[in-house]
Amino acid sequence: MSMEDQSGDSRTPSSPLSEIPAGDRSPFDRFKSDVPASVQDEPSHDPRPEPELDEAQRTDLARLSTLDPAVISLWREYALVALLSALVVGGGAYLLRQIDAPGWIWMGVSAVAVAIVVGAVLSFATIAIRYRQWRWSLDPQRLYVEKGVFIHSTMLVPRNRIQNVTTEAGPLQRRHGLTTLTIHTAGMRSPNVEIPALSDEVAQQIRTELGHL
């Protein structure tokens, strides 16, 4: 084998870019030809860490408790009481009209009756949604509450912000064995957090547990 063949075999294969005249190369081609192939083929890597979830998002939704199922019957009774109240107010508006009271009086009373009816109908129609949306949890660090039909809201109360816990129950609540639990807080936007329909047993357990803070 001749020396010319040996020298020809030892040559490094030329890049396709090197065969293009320098004047015909684009600025990108000229830049790429100067970058080592190992760098060109290296995959890009984004060093930024993934955003961390906040405290509310870290709450395990599977552990959230719902209100006592008896609250569904309670809310229906509330809506029925509101409708009966609307009938009474509407009857008053009718009597005012019969005795020739000024129009603005009986019309104003009639408007109140209509508003009560609308509120009662909306309350009755959204009972199932309200029950599904009202959820809460209590762990050694915090109390978490979420609720809302048209506007969904969440509240996270650290245990060290809880000052006092009270319970109360009206006649209809007592009829269903339910209690409203009110948590009084310090340094929070909302000074009081209510869980409106817990069984008497659960409410007393929470009150006893938080009373040892």
N, C-alpha and C. Protein backbone atom coordinates (compact mmCIF):
# COMPACT_ATOMS: atom_id res chain seq x y z
N MET A 1 0.86 -1.20 0.00
CA MET A 1 0.00 0.00 0.00
C MET A 1 0.88 1.23 0.00
N SER A 2 0.52 2.22 -0.79
CA SER A 2 1.34 3.42 -0.92
C SER A 2 1.14 4.34 0.24
N MET A 3 2.06 5.27 0.43
CA MET A 3 1.98 6.25 1.50
C MET A 3 0.78 7.15 1.31
N GLU A 4 0.41 7.41 0.04
CA GLU A 4 -0.74 8.27 -0.21
C GLU A 4 -2.02 7.63 0.28
N ASP A 5 -2.12 6.24 0.09
CA ASP A 5 -3.33 5.55 0.56
C ASP A 5 -3.41 5.57 2.07
N GLN A 6 -2.21 5.36 2.73
CA GLN A 6 -2.22 5.35 4.19
C GLN A 6 -2.62 6.71 4.74
N SER A 7 -2.08 7.76 4.17
CA SER A 7 -2.43 9.10 4.65
C SER A 7 -3.88 9.42 4.37
N GLY A 8 -4.43 8.90 3.27
CA GLY A 8 -5.84 9.14 2.96
C GLY A 8 -6.75 8.45 3.93
N ASP A 9 -6.37 7.21 4.40
CA ASP A 9 -7.22 6.48 5.34
C ASP A 9 -7.20 7.11 6.72
N SER A 10 -6.13 7.82 7.08
CA SER A 10 -6.02 8.38 8.42
C SER A 10 -6.72 9.71 8.56
N ARG A 11 -7.26 10.24 7.48
CA ARG A 11 -7.92 11.53 7.56
C ARG A 11 -9.28 11.39 8.25
N THR A 12 -9.64 12.43 9.02
CA THR A 12 -10.94 12.46 9.68
C THR A 12 -12.01 12.82 8.67
N PRO A 13 -13.12 12.06 8.64
CA PRO A 13 -14.18 12.38 7.66
C PRO A 13 -14.65 13.81 7.86
N SER A 14 -14.83 14.47 6.77
CA SER A 14 -15.22 15.88 6.83
C SER A 14 -16.70 15.99 7.12
N SER A 15 -17.08 17.07 7.82
CA SER A 15 -18.49 17.34 8.12
C SER A 15 -19.18 17.84 6.87
N PRO A 16 -20.47 17.53 6.71
CA PRO A 16 -21.19 18.07 5.54
C PRO A 16 -21.16 19.57 5.48
N LEU A 17 -21.08 20.23 6.67
CA LEU A 17 -21.04 21.69 6.67
C LEU A 17 -19.74 22.20 6.07
N SER A 18 -18.65 21.39 6.23
CA SER A 18 -17.36 21.85 5.72
C SER A 18 -17.32 21.86 4.21
N GLU A 19 -18.24 21.10 3.57
CA GLU A 19 -18.27 21.08 2.11
C GLU A 19 -19.01 22.27 1.54
N ILE A 20 -19.73 23.03 2.41
CA ILE A 20 -20.44 24.21 1.94
C ILE A 20 -19.52 25.40 2.05
N PRO A 21 -19.37 26.18 1.01
CA PRO A 21 -18.50 27.36 1.09
C PRO A 21 -18.92 28.25 2.25
N ALA A 22 -17.93 28.83 2.91
CA ALA A 22 -18.20 29.65 4.09
C ALA A 22 -19.14 30.80 3.79
N GLY A 23 -19.05 31.35 2.58
CA GLY A 23 -19.92 32.47 2.24
C GLY A 23 -21.36 32.09 2.10
N ASP A 24 -21.65 30.76 1.81
CA ASP A 24 -23.02 30.32 1.62
C ASP A 24 -23.66 29.79 2.89
N ARG A 25 -22.91 29.70 3.98
CA ARG A 25 -23.47 29.16 5.21
C ARG A 25 -24.28 30.24 5.93
N SER A 26 -25.34 29.79 6.61
CA SER A 26 -26.10 30.71 7.45
C SER A 26 -25.36 30.94 8.74
N PRO A 27 -25.66 32.02 9.48
CA PRO A 27 -24.99 32.24 10.77
C PRO A 27 -25.16 31.06 11.71
N PHE A 28 -26.35 30.41 11.68
CA PHE A 28 -26.56 29.25 12.55
C PHE A 28 -25.65 28.10 12.16
N ASP A 29 -25.49 27.85 10.84
CA ASP A 29 -24.63 26.76 10.39
C ASP A 29 -23.19 27.01 10.79
N ARG A 30 -22.73 28.27 10.65
CA ARG A 30 -21.35 28.57 11.02
C ARG A 30 -21.14 28.39 12.51
N PHE A 31 -22.17 28.76 13.32
CA PHE A 31 -22.04 28.57 14.78
C PHE A 31 -22.04 27.09 15.13
N LYS A 32 -22.94 26.31 14.49
CA LYS A 32 -23.04 24.89 14.81
C LYS A 32 -21.79 24.13 14.42
N SER A 33 -21.14 24.56 13.34
CA SER A 33 -19.94 23.85 12.91
C SER A 33 -18.80 24.02 13.90
N ASP A 34 -18.85 25.09 14.72
CA ASP A 34 -17.80 25.33 15.70
C ASP A 34 -18.08 24.69 17.05
N VAL A 35 -19.29 24.10 17.23
CA VAL A 35 -19.65 23.48 18.50
C VAL A 35 -19.39 22.00 18.43
N PRO A 36 -18.72 21.40 19.42
CA PRO A 36 -18.47 19.95 19.39
C PRO A 36 -19.76 19.17 19.29
N ALA A 37 -19.69 18.01 18.62
CA ALA A 37 -20.89 17.19 18.42
C ALA A 37 -21.46 16.72 19.74
N SER A 38 -20.60 16.45 20.74
CA SER A 38 -21.09 15.96 22.03
C SER A 38 -21.97 17.00 22.71
N VAL A 39 -21.66 18.29 22.47
CA VAL A 39 -22.47 19.35 23.05
C VAL A 39 -23.75 19.55 22.27
N GLN A 40 -23.66 19.40 20.92
CA GLN A 40 -24.84 19.58 20.09
C GLN A 40 -25.91 18.55 20.42
N ASP A 41 -25.50 17.32 20.71
CA ASP A 41 -26.46 16.24 20.93
C ASP A 41 -26.91 16.13 22.37
N GLU A 42 -26.34 16.95 23.28
CA GLU A 42 -26.69 16.83 24.70
C GLU A 42 -28.10 17.35 24.92
N PRO A 43 -28.98 16.56 25.56
CA PRO A 43 -30.36 17.01 25.77
C PRO A 43 -30.41 18.17 26.75
N SER A 44 -31.38 19.04 26.54
CA SER A 44 -31.55 20.18 27.44
C SER A 44 -32.14 19.72 28.76
N HIS A 45 -31.80 20.43 29.82
CA HIS A 45 -32.28 20.07 31.16
C HIS A 45 -32.68 21.34 31.88
N ASP A 46 -33.91 21.35 32.42
CA ASP A 46 -34.40 22.51 33.16
C ASP A 46 -34.11 22.29 34.63
N PRO A 47 -33.18 23.07 35.21
CA PRO A 47 -32.80 22.84 36.61
C PRO A 47 -33.82 23.34 37.61
N ARG A 48 -34.87 24.04 37.17
CA ARG A 48 -35.82 24.60 38.12
C ARG A 48 -36.64 23.50 38.77
N PRO A 49 -36.80 23.50 40.09
CA PRO A 49 -37.59 22.46 40.76
C PRO A 49 -39.07 22.66 40.51
N GLU A 50 -39.83 21.59 40.63
CA GLU A 50 -41.27 21.68 40.48
C GLU A 50 -41.86 22.47 41.64
N PRO A 51 -42.90 23.27 41.37
CA PRO A 51 -43.49 24.06 42.47
C PRO A 51 -44.09 23.15 43.53
N GLU A 52 -43.92 23.57 44.79
CA GLU A 52 -44.45 22.79 45.90
C GLU A 52 -45.91 23.16 46.14
N LEU A 53 -46.68 22.19 46.61
CA LEU A 53 -48.07 22.43 46.94
C LEU A 53 -48.17 23.19 48.25
N ASP A 54 -49.20 24.03 48.36
CA ASP A 54 -49.39 24.73 49.61
C ASP A 54 -50.06 23.81 50.63
N GLU A 55 -50.28 24.34 51.83
CA GLU A 55 -50.79 23.50 52.91
C GLU A 55 -52.18 22.94 52.60
N ALA A 56 -53.04 23.79 52.01
CA ALA A 56 -54.40 23.32 51.72
C ALA A 56 -54.38 22.20 50.69
N GLN A 57 -53.48 22.30 49.68
CA GLN A 57 -53.41 21.27 48.65
C GLN A 57 -52.82 19.98 49.17
N ARG A 58 -52.02 20.07 50.23
CA ARG A 58 -51.44 18.86 50.79
C ARG A 58 -52.44 18.06 51.62
N THR A 59 -53.56 18.70 51.99
CA THR A 59 -54.54 17.99 52.80
C THR A 59 -55.08 16.80 52.02
N ASP A 60 -55.11 15.67 52.67
CA ASP A 60 -55.57 14.44 52.02
C ASP A 60 -57.08 14.48 51.91
N LEU A 61 -57.60 14.66 50.67
CA LEU A 61 -59.03 14.78 50.48
C LEU A 61 -59.77 13.51 50.87
N ALA A 62 -59.10 12.38 50.79
CA ALA A 62 -59.76 11.13 51.14
C ALA A 62 -60.10 11.08 52.63
N ARG A 63 -59.43 11.89 53.45
CA ARG A 63 -59.66 11.87 54.89
C ARG A 63 -60.68 12.90 55.33
N LEU A 64 -61.17 13.73 54.45
CA LEU A 64 -62.12 14.76 54.83
C LEU A 64 -63.45 14.14 55.23
N SER A 65 -64.04 14.69 56.29
CA SER A 65 -65.33 14.21 56.78
C SER A 65 -66.44 15.11 56.27
N THR A 66 -67.62 14.54 56.12
CA THR A 66 -68.79 15.31 55.72
C THR A 66 -69.62 15.63 56.96
N LEU A 67 -70.63 16.45 56.75
CA LEU A 67 -71.57 16.71 57.84
C LEU A 67 -72.41 15.47 58.10
N ASP A 68 -73.10 15.47 59.22
CA ASP A 68 -73.96 14.34 59.54
C ASP A 68 -75.09 14.26 58.50
N PRO A 69 -75.40 13.08 57.97
CA PRO A 69 -76.45 12.97 56.94
C PRO A 69 -77.81 13.51 57.38
N ALA A 70 -78.05 13.57 58.69
CA ALA A 70 -79.33 14.10 59.17
C ALA A 70 -79.52 15.56 58.82
N VAL A 71 -78.43 16.24 58.42
CA VAL A 71 -78.55 17.65 58.08
C VAL A 71 -79.41 17.85 56.83
N ILE A 72 -79.51 16.84 55.98
CA ILE A 72 -80.33 16.97 54.77
C ILE A 72 -81.79 17.19 55.17
N SER A 73 -82.28 16.38 56.11
CA SER A 73 -83.66 16.57 56.60
C SER A 73 -83.80 17.90 57.32
N LEU A 74 -82.78 18.29 58.06
CA LEU A 74 -82.83 19.57 58.78
C LEU A 74 -82.95 20.73 57.80
N TRP A 75 -82.15 20.73 56.75
CA TRP A 75 -82.20 21.82 55.77
C TRP A 75 -83.53 21.85 55.04
N ARG A 76 -84.12 20.69 54.80
CA ARG A 76 -85.45 20.67 54.19
C ARG A 76 -86.48 21.32 55.11
N GLU A 77 -86.37 21.05 56.39
CA GLU A 77 -87.30 21.67 57.34
C GLU A 77 -87.08 23.18 57.41
N TYR A 78 -85.82 23.61 57.34
CA TYR A 78 -85.55 25.05 57.30
C TYR A 78 -86.24 25.70 56.09
N ALA A 79 -86.16 25.06 54.93
CA ALA A 79 -86.78 25.59 53.73
C ALA A 79 -88.30 25.63 53.89
N LEU A 80 -88.86 24.60 54.52
CA LEU A 80 -90.31 24.57 54.73
C LEU A 80 -90.75 25.68 55.68
N VAL A 81 -89.98 25.90 56.74
CA VAL A 81 -90.29 26.98 57.68
C VAL A 81 -90.23 28.33 56.96
N ALA A 82 -89.26 28.50 56.07
CA ALA A 82 -89.15 29.75 55.32
C ALA A 82 -90.37 29.95 54.42
N LEU A 83 -90.84 28.88 53.78
CA LEU A 83 -92.03 29.00 52.94
C LEU A 83 -93.26 29.37 53.77
N LEU A 84 -93.40 28.77 54.94
CA LEU A 84 -94.53 29.12 55.81
C LEU A 84 -94.44 30.58 56.25
N SER A 85 -93.22 31.04 56.51
CA SER A 85 -93.04 32.45 56.88
C SER A 85 -93.44 33.36 55.72
N ALA A 86 -93.11 32.94 54.49
CA ALA A 86 -93.48 33.73 53.32
C ALA A 86 -95.00 33.82 53.18
N LEU A 87 -95.70 32.72 53.50
CA LEU A 87 -97.16 32.75 53.44
C LEU A 87 -97.73 33.74 54.45
N VAL A 88 -97.15 33.76 55.65
CA VAL A 88 -97.62 34.69 56.67
C VAL A 88 -97.38 36.14 56.23
N VAL A 89 -96.18 36.41 55.72
CA VAL A 89 -95.86 37.77 55.28
C VAL A 89 -96.75 38.16 54.09
N GLY A 90 -96.95 37.21 53.16
CA GLY A 90 -97.83 37.49 52.03
C GLY A 90 -99.26 37.76 52.47
N GLY A 91 -99.73 37.01 53.48
CA GLY A 91 -101.07 37.28 54.02
C GLY A 91 -101.16 38.66 54.63
N GLY A 92 -100.10 39.07 55.30
CA GLY A 92 -100.08 40.42 55.86
C GLY A 92 -100.15 41.48 54.77
N ALA A 93 -99.45 41.25 53.66
CA ALA A 93 -99.51 42.20 52.55
C ALA A 93 -100.92 42.28 51.97
N TYR A 94 -101.59 41.13 51.90
CA TYR A 94 -102.97 41.12 51.37
C TYR A 94 -103.91 41.91 52.29
N LEU A 95 -103.77 41.73 53.60
CA LEU A 95 -104.63 42.46 54.54
C LEU A 95 -104.36 43.96 54.46
N LEU A 96 -103.09 44.34 54.32
CA LEU A 96 -102.77 45.76 54.20
C LEU A 96 -103.43 46.37 52.97
N ARG A 97 -103.48 45.61 51.91
CA ARG A 97 -104.11 46.13 50.70
C ARG A 97 -105.62 46.25 50.89
N GLN A 98 -106.21 45.31 51.62
CA GLN A 98 -107.66 45.33 51.83
C GLN A 98 -108.09 46.51 52.69
N ILE A 99 -107.23 46.94 53.59
CA ILE A 99 -107.60 48.07 54.46
C ILE A 99 -107.13 49.40 53.87
N ASP A 100 -106.80 49.38 52.59
CA ASP A 100 -106.41 50.60 51.88
C ASP A 100 -105.17 51.27 52.47
N ALA A 101 -104.21 50.44 52.86
CA ALA A 101 -102.93 50.99 53.33
C ALA A 101 -102.19 51.59 52.13
N PRO A 102 -101.30 52.54 52.37
CA PRO A 102 -100.53 53.12 51.26
C PRO A 102 -99.88 52.02 50.41
N GLY A 103 -99.87 52.26 49.11
CA GLY A 103 -99.38 51.24 48.20
C GLY A 103 -97.94 50.82 48.46
N TRP A 104 -97.10 51.78 48.84
CA TRP A 104 -95.69 51.43 49.04
C TRP A 104 -95.51 50.49 50.23
N ILE A 105 -96.47 50.50 51.18
CA ILE A 105 -96.35 49.62 52.34
C ILE A 105 -96.65 48.17 51.95
N TRP A 106 -97.84 47.94 51.37
CA TRP A 106 -98.18 46.55 51.06
C TRP A 106 -97.33 46.00 49.92
N MET A 107 -96.88 46.88 49.01
CA MET A 107 -95.99 46.40 47.96
C MET A 107 -94.62 46.01 48.52
N GLY A 108 -94.15 46.78 49.50
CA GLY A 108 -92.88 46.44 50.14
C GLY A 108 -92.97 45.13 50.89
N VAL A 109 -94.09 44.92 51.61
CA VAL A 109 -94.28 43.66 52.33
C VAL A 109 -94.38 42.49 51.34
N SER A 110 -95.05 42.72 50.23
CA SER A 110 -95.15 41.67 49.20
C SER A 110 -93.78 41.31 48.64
N ALA A 111 -92.93 42.33 48.44
CA ALA A 111 -91.58 42.07 47.93
C ALA A 111 -90.78 41.22 48.92
N VAL A 112 -90.97 41.48 50.21
CA VAL A 112 -90.28 40.66 51.23
C VAL A 112 -90.75 39.21 51.14
N ALA A 113 -92.05 39.01 50.97
CA ALA A 113 -92.59 37.65 50.86
C ALA A 113 -92.01 36.93 49.65
N VAL A 114 -91.93 37.64 48.53
CA VAL A 114 -91.37 37.03 47.31
C VAL A 114 -89.90 36.67 47.53
N ALA A 115 -89.15 37.55 48.17
CA ALA A 115 -87.73 37.28 48.42
C ALA A 115 -87.56 36.04 49.31
N ILE A 116 -88.42 35.90 50.30
CA ILE A 116 -88.34 34.72 51.17
C ILE A 116 -88.63 33.45 50.38
N VAL A 117 -89.62 33.50 49.50
CA VAL A 117 -89.96 32.33 48.69
C VAL A 117 -88.79 31.95 47.79
N VAL A 118 -88.19 32.94 47.13
CA VAL A 118 -87.05 32.66 46.24
C VAL A 118 -85.90 32.05 47.02
N GLY A 119 -85.61 32.62 48.20
CA GLY A 119 -84.53 32.08 49.02
C GLY A 119 -84.80 30.65 49.46
N ALA A 120 -86.05 30.37 49.83
CA ALA A 120 -86.41 29.02 50.27
C ALA A 120 -86.29 28.02 49.13
N VAL A 121 -86.73 28.41 47.94
CA VAL A 121 -86.64 27.51 46.79
C VAL A 121 -85.18 27.22 46.44
N LEU A 122 -84.34 28.25 46.43
CA LEU A 122 -82.92 28.04 46.14
C LEU A 122 -82.27 27.17 47.21
N SER A 123 -82.63 27.41 48.46
CA SER A 123 -82.07 26.61 49.55
C SER A 123 -82.46 25.15 49.40
N PHE A 124 -83.72 24.90 49.06
CA PHE A 124 -84.18 23.52 48.90
C PHE A 124 -83.51 22.86 47.70
N ALA A 125 -83.34 23.61 46.61
CA ALA A 125 -82.78 23.03 45.38
C ALA A 125 -81.30 22.71 45.50
N THR A 126 -80.60 23.38 46.41
CA THR A 126 -79.14 23.18 46.51
C THR A 126 -78.74 22.34 47.72
N ILE A 127 -79.69 21.67 48.35
CA ILE A 127 -79.38 20.89 49.56
C ILE A 127 -78.33 19.82 49.26
N ALA A 128 -78.53 19.05 48.20
CA ALA A 128 -77.60 17.96 47.89
C ALA A 128 -76.21 18.50 47.58
N ILE A 129 -76.13 19.62 46.86
CA ILE A 129 -74.82 20.19 46.52
C ILE A 129 -74.13 20.71 47.77
N ARG A 130 -74.88 21.39 48.63
CA ARG A 130 -74.28 21.91 49.86
C ARG A 130 -73.73 20.78 50.72
N TYR A 131 -74.47 19.69 50.77
CA TYR A 131 -74.01 18.57 51.60
C TYR A 131 -72.70 17.99 51.05
N ARG A 132 -72.60 17.87 49.73
CA ARG A 132 -71.37 17.33 49.14
C ARG A 132 -70.19 18.28 49.30
N GLN A 133 -70.45 19.59 49.24
CA GLN A 133 -69.37 20.57 49.29
C GLN A 133 -68.88 20.86 50.70
N TRP A 134 -69.70 20.59 51.71
CA TRP A 134 -69.31 20.88 53.09
C TRP A 134 -68.46 19.73 53.61
N ARG A 135 -67.13 19.95 53.73
CA ARG A 135 -66.22 18.92 54.22
C ARG A 135 -65.21 19.54 55.18
N TRP A 136 -64.72 18.72 56.08
CA TRP A 136 -63.79 19.23 57.08
C TRP A 136 -62.87 18.10 57.55
N SER A 137 -61.76 18.50 58.16
CA SER A 137 -60.85 17.52 58.76
C SER A 137 -60.11 18.19 59.91
N LEU A 138 -59.71 17.39 60.87
CA LEU A 138 -58.97 17.87 62.03
C LEU A 138 -57.82 16.91 62.28
N ASP A 139 -56.59 17.44 62.26
CA ASP A 139 -55.42 16.62 62.55
C ASP A 139 -54.59 17.32 63.62
N PRO A 140 -53.49 16.75 64.05
CA PRO A 140 -52.72 17.36 65.15
C PRO A 140 -52.18 18.75 64.85
N GLN A 141 -52.15 19.17 63.58
CA GLN A 141 -51.59 20.48 63.24
C GLN A 141 -52.65 21.53 62.93
N ARG A 142 -53.80 21.15 62.36
CA ARG A 142 -54.69 22.17 61.83
C ARG A 142 -56.13 21.65 61.70
N LEU A 143 -57.03 22.62 61.53
CA LEU A 143 -58.41 22.35 61.16
C LEU A 143 -58.61 22.85 59.74
N TYR A 144 -59.20 22.02 58.89
CA TYR A 144 -59.41 22.37 57.49
C TYR A 144 -60.90 22.29 57.18
N VAL A 145 -61.45 23.34 56.57
CA VAL A 145 -62.87 23.40 56.24
C VAL A 145 -63.01 23.89 54.80
N GLU A 146 -63.88 23.24 54.04
CA GLU A 146 -64.20 23.74 52.70
C GLU A 146 -65.71 23.65 52.50
N LYS A 147 -66.24 24.64 51.79
CA LYS A 147 -67.68 24.72 51.60
C LYS A 147 -67.97 25.63 50.41
N GLY A 148 -69.26 25.71 50.06
CA GLY A 148 -69.67 26.65 49.03
C GLY A 148 -70.40 25.99 47.88
N VAL A 149 -71.45 26.64 47.41
CA VAL A 149 -72.21 26.17 46.25
C VAL A 149 -71.85 27.02 45.04
N PHE A 150 -72.13 28.30 45.10
CA PHE A 150 -71.81 29.19 43.99
C PHE A 150 -70.39 29.74 44.12
N ILE A 151 -69.93 29.94 45.36
CA ILE A 151 -68.56 30.39 45.62
C ILE A 151 -67.92 29.38 46.56
N HIS A 152 -66.91 28.69 46.06
CA HIS A 152 -66.24 27.67 46.86
C HIS A 152 -65.13 28.32 47.68
N SER A 153 -65.11 28.03 48.97
CA SER A 153 -64.10 28.62 49.85
C SER A 153 -63.48 27.53 50.72
N THR A 154 -62.23 27.76 51.10
CA THR A 154 -61.52 26.86 51.99
C THR A 154 -60.91 27.67 53.13
N MET A 155 -60.76 27.03 54.27
CA MET A 155 -60.17 27.70 55.43
C MET A 155 -59.26 26.72 56.15
N LEU A 156 -58.08 27.21 56.48
CA LEU A 156 -57.07 26.41 57.18
C LEU A 156 -56.73 27.13 58.48
N VAL A 157 -57.02 26.48 59.60
CA VAL A 157 -56.81 27.11 60.91
C VAL A 157 -55.76 26.30 61.68
N PRO A 158 -54.56 26.85 61.90
CA PRO A 158 -53.58 26.14 62.73
C PRO A 158 -54.11 25.99 64.15
N ARG A 159 -53.74 24.91 64.78
CA ARG A 159 -54.26 24.66 66.13
C ARG A 159 -53.82 25.73 67.13
N ASN A 160 -52.65 26.30 66.92
CA ASN A 160 -52.19 27.31 67.87
C ASN A 160 -52.95 28.62 67.74
N ARG A 161 -53.84 28.74 66.73
CA ARG A 161 -54.67 29.93 66.59
C ARG A 161 -56.06 29.73 67.21
N ILE A 162 -56.37 28.53 67.65
CA ILE A 162 -57.69 28.24 68.21
C ILE A 162 -57.71 28.65 69.68
N GLN A 163 -58.64 29.53 70.04
CA GLN A 163 -58.74 30.02 71.42
C GLN A 163 -59.83 29.32 72.22
N ASN A 164 -60.97 29.09 71.59
CA ASN A 164 -62.10 28.54 72.33
C ASN A 164 -63.00 27.78 71.37
N VAL A 165 -63.77 26.83 71.92
CA VAL A 165 -64.70 26.05 71.13
C VAL A 165 -66.04 26.02 71.86
N THR A 166 -67.11 26.37 71.16
CA THR A 166 -68.44 26.34 71.76
C THR A 166 -69.39 25.53 70.89
N THR A 167 -70.46 25.05 71.50
CA THR A 167 -71.48 24.29 70.77
C THR A 167 -72.85 24.89 71.08
N GLU A 168 -73.74 24.78 70.11
CA GLU A 168 -75.11 25.24 70.31
C GLU A 168 -76.03 24.45 69.39
N ALA A 169 -77.29 24.34 69.81
CA ALA A 169 -78.27 23.58 69.03
C ALA A 169 -79.65 24.19 69.23
N GLY A 170 -80.32 24.53 68.12
CA GLY A 170 -81.67 25.04 68.19
C GLY A 170 -82.68 23.90 68.31
N PRO A 171 -83.95 24.24 68.39
CA PRO A 171 -84.98 23.20 68.55
C PRO A 171 -84.98 22.16 67.42
N LEU A 172 -84.87 22.62 66.17
CA LEU A 172 -84.87 21.67 65.07
C LEU A 172 -83.59 20.83 65.06
N GLN A 173 -82.47 21.43 65.41
CA GLN A 173 -81.22 20.67 65.48
C GLN A 173 -81.31 19.58 66.56
N ARG A 174 -81.84 19.94 67.72
CA ARG A 174 -81.96 18.95 68.79
C ARG A 174 -82.89 17.82 68.38
N ARG A 175 -83.89 18.15 67.59
CA ARG A 175 -84.83 17.13 67.11
C ARG A 175 -84.11 16.07 66.27
N HIS A 176 -83.06 16.49 65.56
CA HIS A 176 -82.30 15.56 64.72
C HIS A 176 -81.00 15.11 65.38
N GLY A 177 -80.76 15.50 66.62
CA GLY A 177 -79.54 15.11 67.30
C GLY A 177 -78.29 15.76 66.74
N LEU A 178 -78.42 17.01 66.28
CA LEU A 178 -77.30 17.72 65.65
C LEU A 178 -76.87 18.91 66.49
N THR A 179 -75.62 19.31 66.31
CA THR A 179 -75.04 20.43 67.05
C THR A 179 -74.18 21.25 66.11
N THR A 180 -74.21 22.57 66.29
CA THR A 180 -73.31 23.47 65.56
C THR A 180 -72.07 23.71 66.41
N LEU A 181 -70.91 23.45 65.83
CA LEU A 181 -69.64 23.64 66.52
C LEU A 181 -69.01 24.94 66.03
N THR A 182 -68.67 25.83 66.94
CA THR A 182 -68.05 27.11 66.59
C THR A 182 -66.66 27.17 67.18
N ILE A 183 -65.66 27.39 66.30
CA ILE A 183 -64.26 27.50 66.73
C ILE A 183 -63.89 28.97 66.70
N HIS A 184 -63.51 29.51 67.84
CA HIS A 184 -63.11 30.92 67.94
C HIS A 184 -61.59 30.99 67.79
N THR A 185 -61.14 31.84 66.87
CA THR A 185 -59.72 31.90 66.54
C THR A 185 -59.14 33.28 66.86
N ALA A 186 -57.82 33.36 66.82
CA ALA A 186 -57.11 34.63 67.02
C ALA A 186 -56.17 34.85 65.86
N GLY A 187 -56.11 36.10 65.38
CA GLY A 187 -55.19 36.44 64.30
C GLY A 187 -55.59 35.90 62.95
N MET A 188 -56.88 35.56 62.77
CA MET A 188 -57.36 35.05 61.49
C MET A 188 -58.30 36.07 60.86
N ARG A 189 -58.46 35.98 59.54
CA ARG A 189 -59.37 36.89 58.85
C ARG A 189 -60.80 36.69 59.33
N SER A 190 -61.20 35.43 59.53
CA SER A 190 -62.52 35.12 60.08
C SER A 190 -62.35 34.71 61.53
N PRO A 191 -62.89 35.49 62.48
CA PRO A 191 -62.66 35.17 63.89
C PRO A 191 -63.34 33.89 64.34
N ASN A 192 -64.42 33.49 63.64
CA ASN A 192 -65.15 32.28 64.03
C ASN A 192 -65.28 31.35 62.83
N VAL A 193 -65.12 30.07 63.08
CA VAL A 193 -65.31 29.05 62.05
C VAL A 193 -66.39 28.10 62.55
N GLU A 194 -67.44 27.93 61.76
CA GLU A 194 -68.56 27.09 62.17
C GLU A 194 -68.62 25.81 61.34
N ILE A 195 -68.90 24.71 62.02
CA ILE A 195 -69.27 23.46 61.36
C ILE A 195 -70.71 23.21 61.79
N PRO A 196 -71.68 23.39 60.89
CA PRO A 196 -73.06 23.58 61.31
C PRO A 196 -73.84 22.34 61.71
N ALA A 197 -73.44 21.16 61.34
CA ALA A 197 -74.30 20.01 61.58
C ALA A 197 -73.46 18.77 61.86
N LEU A 198 -73.04 18.65 63.12
CA LEU A 198 -72.33 17.46 63.57
C LEU A 198 -73.23 16.72 64.55
N SER A 199 -73.03 15.43 64.63
CA SER A 199 -73.76 14.69 65.66
C SER A 199 -73.28 15.16 67.03
N ASP A 200 -74.14 15.04 68.03
CA ASP A 200 -73.78 15.49 69.37
C ASP A 200 -72.49 14.82 69.85
N GLU A 201 -72.34 13.54 69.54
CA GLU A 201 -71.16 12.80 70.00
C GLU A 201 -69.89 13.33 69.36
N VAL A 202 -69.91 13.54 68.04
CA VAL A 202 -68.72 14.03 67.35
C VAL A 202 -68.38 15.45 67.81
N ALA A 203 -69.39 16.29 67.97
CA ALA A 203 -69.14 17.67 68.40
C ALA A 203 -68.49 17.70 69.78
N GLN A 204 -68.95 16.87 70.69
CA GLN A 204 -68.37 16.85 72.03
C GLN A 204 -66.95 16.29 72.01
N GLN A 205 -66.70 15.30 71.15
CA GLN A 205 -65.34 14.77 71.04
C GLN A 205 -64.37 15.84 70.56
N ILE A 206 -64.77 16.60 69.54
CA ILE A 206 -63.89 17.66 69.02
C ILE A 206 -63.70 18.74 70.07
N ARG A 207 -64.78 19.11 70.76
CA ARG A 207 -64.67 20.15 71.78
C ARG A 207 -63.73 19.70 72.90
N THR A 208 -63.83 18.45 73.30
CA THR A 208 -62.95 17.94 74.36
C THR A 208 -61.49 17.91 73.90
N GLU A 209 -61.28 17.46 72.65
CA GLU A 209 -59.91 17.39 72.14
C GLU A 209 -59.27 18.76 72.03
N LEU A 210 -60.00 19.73 71.47
CA LEU A 210 -59.45 21.07 71.32
C LEU A 210 -59.38 21.81 72.65
N GLY A 211 -60.15 21.36 73.63
CA GLY A 211 -60.11 22.00 74.93
C GLY A 211 -58.83 21.74 75.69
N HIS A 212 -58.03 20.75 75.23
CA HIS A 212 -56.77 20.44 75.89
C HIS A 212 -55.60 21.20 75.30
N LEU A 213 -55.87 22.15 74.39
CA LEU A 213 -54.78 22.91 73.78
C LEU A 213 -54.10 23.81 74.80
